[in-house]
Amino acid sequence: MRAGTTAFALVGLSAAASAPAFASNRTPVPTFPLEAETPLAALQDVDVIEHIGDKIPSGLAFRDPEGHEVEIDGLLGNKPLLVTLGYYRCPMLCNLVLDGLVKSMKASGLVPGKDFQALSISIDPKEDAKQAVATRTRVHAAAGQGVDGAAWPFLMGDAVASRLLADAVGFKYAYDAKSGQFAHDAVTFVLTPEGRISRYLYGVDVLPRDFRLALVEAAGGRVGTSFDRLLLSCFQYDPLNRKYAPYALGFVRIGSGMVFLMLVGLITVLWRKEMAMRRRRVA
């Protein structure tokens, strides 16, 4: 997946001097302030290796900006878990990922805390608690709908816990000492209520349909409506294009079901007419 995600990693490693002008639906490749060979050396260890179906390690604990310990196990059990890995002083990419999730969430109609649990974790062991609070406040305000720290906590951790979680979900990142930034890809992880990796959502602009279907799929149909479950039978995740695409066999099954119901209805109508004619003859 290296070739398809290099541009995202370049954004994550860029310095704050990069120009922020960008189109709403496109992610720019900013000017790199380091030597030409430095980005390539930093990016060689940046990748996403999917571990669909694997369970994240139990007992992983992080802390919130106020210093309280939070275990991921305590956030599992009832709802699917939406996880982002990044760092709160990131000059561009991490904020774009979070803003894109808020936009997709609001467009999908699903609410964190009610339909799913959201979680953001810093990969920087020297993370600033004040920056974490600032990011949390901004994202919660943008999400609205009463989203708070319980529905979407922003946590920090040491190098061991963050790396263990990143390795479990296949999130490979690298630290560049010259720029003081982390190189990483733009990806969000969807976990089942049992803590198994269900889906990867790539990029900074996830389609609301893909966002909703990923959570419905992770929850085993316990999230969303009956129409969502019907829609999921007609759409399958395409790993090549990294989005949900129409599933021909699903449409065939639904079409066959509709034809069957129409035939049953027609036969029922004809049978009732036949019975009515017989009763009139007997009378």
Protein backbone atom coordinates (compact mmCIF):
# COMPACT_ATOMS: atom_id res chain seq x y z
CA MET A 1 0.00 0.00 0.00
CA ARG A 2 3.08 2.22 0.07
CA ALA A 3 2.59 3.89 -3.30
CA GLY A 4 -1.01 4.86 -2.69
CA THR A 5 -0.35 6.46 0.67
CA THR A 6 2.94 8.28 0.23
CA ALA A 7 1.23 11.62 -0.32
CA PHE A 8 -0.61 11.30 3.00
CA ALA A 9 2.61 10.46 4.82
CA LEU A 10 4.34 13.45 3.30
CA VAL A 11 1.61 15.67 4.69
CA GLY A 12 1.99 14.15 8.14
CA LEU A 13 5.77 14.73 8.13
CA SER A 14 5.61 18.28 6.77
CA ALA A 15 6.52 21.24 8.97
CA ALA A 16 4.05 23.89 10.02
CA ALA A 17 5.50 26.24 7.43
CA SER A 18 3.61 24.38 4.71
CA ALA A 19 0.96 26.52 3.05
CA PRO A 20 -2.54 25.57 4.33
CA ALA A 21 -4.41 26.52 1.17
CA PHE A 22 -6.24 23.49 -0.20
CA ALA A 23 -9.45 22.57 -1.93
CA SER A 24 -12.17 21.11 0.26
CA ASN A 25 -12.06 17.67 -1.40
CA ARG A 26 -8.37 17.37 -2.13
CA THR A 27 -5.33 16.91 0.08
CA PRO A 28 -2.29 18.90 -1.07
CA VAL A 29 1.29 17.69 -1.12
CA PRO A 30 3.04 20.52 0.73
CA THR A 31 6.58 21.77 0.21
CA PHE A 32 9.04 19.71 2.22
CA PRO A 33 11.54 21.81 4.20
CA LEU A 34 14.10 19.00 4.64
CA GLU A 35 16.78 17.61 2.36
CA ALA A 36 15.52 15.62 -0.61
CA GLU A 37 16.73 12.29 0.74
CA THR A 38 15.27 12.78 4.24
CA PRO A 39 11.57 12.21 3.38
CA LEU A 40 12.37 9.02 1.49
CA ALA A 41 14.36 7.68 4.42
CA ALA A 42 11.57 8.55 6.85
CA LEU A 43 8.84 7.11 4.65
CA GLN A 44 10.41 3.71 4.10
CA ASP A 45 8.92 2.49 7.40
CA VAL A 46 5.50 4.12 6.88
CA ASP A 47 2.71 1.82 5.75
CA VAL A 48 -0.62 0.26 6.68
CA ILE A 49 -0.81 -3.53 6.82
CA GLU A 50 -4.39 -4.67 7.30
CA HIS A 51 -5.12 -7.20 10.03
CA ILE A 52 -8.82 -7.75 9.40
CA GLY A 53 -10.33 -10.06 12.00
CA ASP A 54 -7.46 -9.78 14.48
CA LYS A 55 -8.20 -8.78 18.06
CA ILE A 56 -6.31 -5.91 19.64
CA PRO A 57 -4.34 -6.76 22.81
CA SER A 58 -6.25 -6.54 26.07
CA GLY A 59 -5.02 -4.46 28.97
CA LEU A 60 -3.85 -1.48 26.91
CA ALA A 61 -4.13 1.64 29.08
CA PHE A 62 -3.70 5.30 28.22
CA ARG A 63 -4.37 8.54 30.06
CA ASP A 64 -6.56 11.51 29.33
CA PRO A 65 -5.22 15.10 29.47
CA GLU A 66 -6.31 15.33 33.11
CA GLY A 67 -4.13 12.34 34.03
CA HIS A 68 -6.86 9.73 34.49
CA GLU A 69 -6.11 6.22 33.25
CA VAL A 70 -8.42 4.87 30.53
CA GLU A 71 -8.34 1.25 29.36
CA ILE A 72 -9.50 0.44 25.85
CA ASP A 73 -11.16 -2.70 27.21
CA GLY A 74 -13.53 -0.45 29.13
CA LEU A 75 -14.69 1.19 25.88
CA LEU A 76 -15.57 -2.14 24.24
CA GLY A 77 -18.47 -4.50 24.72
CA ASN A 78 -21.56 -2.65 23.52
CA LYS A 79 -20.78 -0.58 20.43
CA PRO A 80 -18.28 -0.60 17.56
CA LEU A 81 -15.17 1.45 18.26
CA LEU A 82 -13.81 4.05 15.83
CA VAL A 83 -10.09 4.65 16.44
CA THR A 84 -7.67 7.27 15.10
CA LEU A 85 -3.93 7.30 15.75
CA GLY A 86 -1.94 10.50 15.34
CA TYR A 87 -0.60 13.33 17.47
CA TYR A 88 -2.20 16.55 18.57
CA ARG A 89 0.52 18.97 17.50
CA CYS A 90 0.50 17.58 13.96
CA PRO A 91 0.67 20.58 11.59
CA MET A 92 -1.85 19.28 9.06
CA LEU A 93 -2.74 15.63 8.43
CA CYS A 94 -4.11 14.60 11.83
CA ASN A 95 -6.43 17.60 11.93
CA LEU A 96 -7.63 16.83 8.41
CA VAL A 97 -8.43 13.23 9.42
CA LEU A 98 -10.38 14.37 12.49
CA ASP A 99 -12.25 17.07 10.58
CA GLY A 100 -13.11 14.58 7.84
CA LEU A 101 -14.48 12.12 10.39
CA VAL A 102 -16.66 14.81 11.95
CA LYS A 103 -18.04 15.68 8.53
CA SER A 104 -18.72 12.03 7.62
CA MET A 105 -20.24 11.37 11.05
CA LYS A 106 -22.67 14.26 10.82
CA ALA A 107 -23.65 13.37 7.25
CA SER A 108 -24.18 9.70 8.16
CA GLY A 109 -26.60 10.48 10.97
CA LEU A 110 -24.77 8.23 13.44
CA VAL A 111 -23.94 9.73 16.82
CA PRO A 112 -20.87 8.91 18.95
CA GLY A 113 -21.85 7.65 22.36
CA LYS A 114 -25.21 6.44 21.04
CA ASP A 115 -24.44 4.43 17.90
CA PHE A 116 -20.69 3.95 18.27
CA GLN A 117 -17.73 4.80 20.49
CA ALA A 118 -15.00 7.07 19.12
CA LEU A 119 -11.41 7.20 20.37
CA SER A 120 -8.34 9.25 19.43
CA ILE A 121 -4.90 8.26 20.74
CA SER A 122 -1.58 10.07 20.41
CA ILE A 123 1.49 8.18 19.16
CA ASP A 124 3.77 10.88 20.60
CA PRO A 125 5.13 9.79 24.02
CA LYS A 126 5.97 13.45 24.76
CA GLU A 127 2.49 14.71 23.92
CA ASP A 128 1.49 18.06 25.42
CA ALA A 129 -1.66 17.77 27.56
CA LYS A 130 -2.65 21.35 26.74
CA GLN A 131 -2.54 20.60 23.02
CA ALA A 132 -4.61 17.47 23.61
CA VAL A 133 -7.24 19.53 25.44
CA ALA A 134 -7.28 22.12 22.64
CA THR A 135 -7.76 19.44 19.98
CA ARG A 136 -10.45 17.69 22.02
CA THR A 137 -12.35 20.92 22.59
CA ARG A 138 -12.24 21.87 18.92
CA VAL A 139 -13.37 18.45 17.65
CA HIS A 140 -16.16 18.09 20.23
CA ALA A 141 -17.48 21.55 19.35
CA ALA A 142 -17.44 20.70 15.63
CA ALA A 143 -19.16 17.34 16.22
CA GLY A 144 -21.96 18.92 18.29
CA GLN A 145 -24.95 16.81 19.35
CA GLY A 146 -23.69 16.75 22.93
CA VAL A 147 -20.46 14.86 22.09
CA ASP A 148 -18.19 14.80 25.15
CA GLY A 149 -15.15 13.09 26.57
CA ALA A 150 -17.07 9.91 27.33
CA ALA A 151 -18.31 9.52 23.74
CA TRP A 152 -15.01 10.57 22.14
CA PRO A 153 -12.00 10.62 24.50
CA PHE A 154 -8.64 12.02 23.39
CA LEU A 155 -5.89 10.03 25.09
CA MET A 156 -2.12 10.00 25.44
CA GLY A 157 0.22 7.11 26.13
CA ASP A 158 3.80 6.05 26.51
CA ALA A 159 5.87 4.74 23.64
CA VAL A 160 5.16 1.10 24.54
CA ALA A 161 1.34 1.23 24.68
CA SER A 162 1.01 3.37 21.54
CA ARG A 163 3.36 1.13 19.60
CA LEU A 164 1.59 -2.05 20.76
CA LEU A 165 -1.75 -0.74 19.54
CA ALA A 166 -0.27 0.57 16.29
CA ASP A 167 1.39 -2.78 15.58
CA ALA A 168 -1.85 -4.62 16.34
CA VAL A 169 -3.80 -2.63 13.71
CA GLY A 170 -0.88 -2.53 11.24
CA PHE A 171 -0.26 1.22 11.54
CA LYS A 172 3.43 1.76 10.77
CA TYR A 173 4.75 5.24 11.50
CA ALA A 174 8.16 6.85 11.87
CA TYR A 175 9.60 9.81 13.76
CA ASP A 176 11.86 12.27 11.93
CA ALA A 177 14.32 13.92 14.33
CA LYS A 178 15.19 16.79 11.99
CA SER A 179 11.63 18.04 11.59
CA GLY A 180 10.40 16.82 14.97
CA GLN A 181 7.34 15.34 13.25
CA PHE A 182 5.87 11.87 12.74
CA ALA A 183 5.34 10.35 9.28
CA HIS A 184 2.13 8.32 9.05
CA ASP A 185 -0.81 7.55 6.79
CA ALA A 186 -4.35 8.90 6.90
CA VAL A 187 -6.46 5.99 8.11
CA THR A 188 -9.20 5.28 10.65
CA PHE A 189 -9.75 1.88 12.25
CA VAL A 190 -13.18 0.35 12.87
CA LEU A 191 -13.32 -2.29 15.61
CA THR A 192 -16.16 -4.60 16.56
CA PRO A 193 -17.63 -4.41 20.08
CA GLU A 194 -15.39 -7.39 20.89
CA GLY A 195 -12.25 -5.50 19.85
CA ARG A 196 -11.63 -7.20 16.51
CA ILE A 197 -10.49 -5.16 13.50
CA SER A 198 -13.43 -4.93 11.13
CA ARG A 199 -12.56 -2.25 8.58
CA TYR A 200 -10.00 0.40 7.57
CA LEU A 201 -11.24 3.77 6.34
CA TYR A 202 -8.58 5.56 4.32
CA GLY A 203 -8.08 9.23 3.52
CA VAL A 204 -9.29 12.49 4.98
CA ASP A 205 -12.66 12.56 3.23
CA VAL A 206 -14.53 9.31 3.94
CA LEU A 207 -17.85 8.92 2.13
CA PRO A 208 -20.76 9.11 4.60
CA ARG A 209 -22.16 5.92 3.07
CA ASP A 210 -18.89 4.07 3.67
CA PHE A 211 -18.66 5.49 7.18
CA ARG A 212 -22.16 4.28 8.05
CA LEU A 213 -21.85 0.87 6.38
CA ALA A 214 -18.50 0.21 8.10
CA LEU A 215 -20.06 0.79 11.51
CA VAL A 216 -23.19 -1.22 10.67
CA GLU A 217 -20.96 -4.08 9.51
CA ALA A 218 -18.74 -3.89 12.61
CA ALA A 219 -21.79 -3.96 14.89
CA GLY A 220 -23.24 -7.01 13.17
CA GLY A 221 -26.39 -5.08 12.24
CA ARG A 222 -27.03 -3.85 15.78
CA VAL A 223 -26.38 -0.27 14.65
CA GLY A 224 -28.52 1.55 12.12
CA THR A 225 -31.84 0.63 10.55
CA SER A 226 -33.24 -2.38 8.72
CA PHE A 227 -32.62 -0.49 5.49
CA ASP A 228 -28.91 -0.22 6.42
CA ARG A 229 -28.71 -3.98 6.78
CA LEU A 230 -30.47 -4.40 3.45
CA LEU A 231 -28.10 -1.88 1.87
CA LEU A 232 -25.11 -3.73 3.30
CA SER A 233 -26.24 -6.88 1.49
CA CYS A 234 -26.06 -4.92 -1.78
CA PHE A 235 -22.66 -3.32 -1.11
CA GLN A 236 -19.37 -5.05 -0.39
CA TYR A 237 -16.08 -3.47 0.61
CA ASP A 238 -13.69 -3.24 -2.34
CA PRO A 239 -10.12 -3.42 -0.91
CA LEU A 240 -8.62 -2.30 -4.21
CA ASN A 241 -10.57 0.97 -4.34
CA ARG A 242 -10.93 1.15 -0.54
CA LYS A 243 -14.66 1.81 -0.54
CA TYR A 244 -17.99 0.00 -0.57
CA ALA A 245 -19.09 -0.92 -4.08
CA PRO A 246 -22.34 -2.38 -5.44
CA TYR A 247 -22.52 -6.13 -5.00
CA ALA A 248 -24.15 -7.70 -8.08
CA LEU A 249 -25.18 -10.91 -6.36
CA GLY A 250 -26.84 -8.93 -3.59
CA PHE A 251 -28.99 -7.05 -6.08
CA VAL A 252 -29.80 -10.34 -7.85
CA ARG A 253 -30.95 -11.86 -4.56
CA ILE A 254 -33.12 -8.88 -3.74
CA GLY A 255 -34.54 -8.85 -7.27
CA SER A 256 -35.28 -12.57 -7.06
CA GLY A 257 -36.98 -12.04 -3.73
CA MET A 258 -39.14 -9.26 -5.13
CA VAL A 259 -40.11 -11.40 -8.14
CA PHE A 260 -41.00 -14.27 -5.79
CA LEU A 261 -43.20 -12.01 -3.66
CA MET A 262 -44.92 -10.65 -6.78
CA LEU A 263 -45.62 -14.19 -8.00
CA VAL A 264 -46.99 -15.18 -4.60
CA GLY A 265 -49.22 -12.11 -4.62
CA LEU A 266 -50.46 -12.83 -8.15
CA ILE A 267 -51.18 -16.48 -7.33
CA THR A 268 -53.03 -15.44 -4.19
CA VAL A 269 -55.23 -13.00 -6.13
CA LEU A 270 -56.01 -15.57 -8.84
CA TRP A 271 -56.78 -18.24 -6.21
CA ARG A 272 -59.20 -15.93 -4.41
CA LYS A 273 -60.98 -15.11 -7.69
CA GLU A 274 -61.27 -18.81 -8.49
CA MET A 275 -62.76 -19.57 -5.07
CA ALA A 276 -65.23 -16.72 -5.43
CA MET A 277 -66.39 -18.04 -8.81
CA ARG A 278 -66.89 -21.52 -7.35
CA ARG A 279 -68.99 -20.17 -4.51
CA ARG A 280 -71.20 -18.26 -6.99
CA ARG A 281 -71.67 -21.43 -9.08
CA VAL A 282 -72.68 -23.45 -6.05
CA ALA A 283 -75.16 -20.74 -5.00
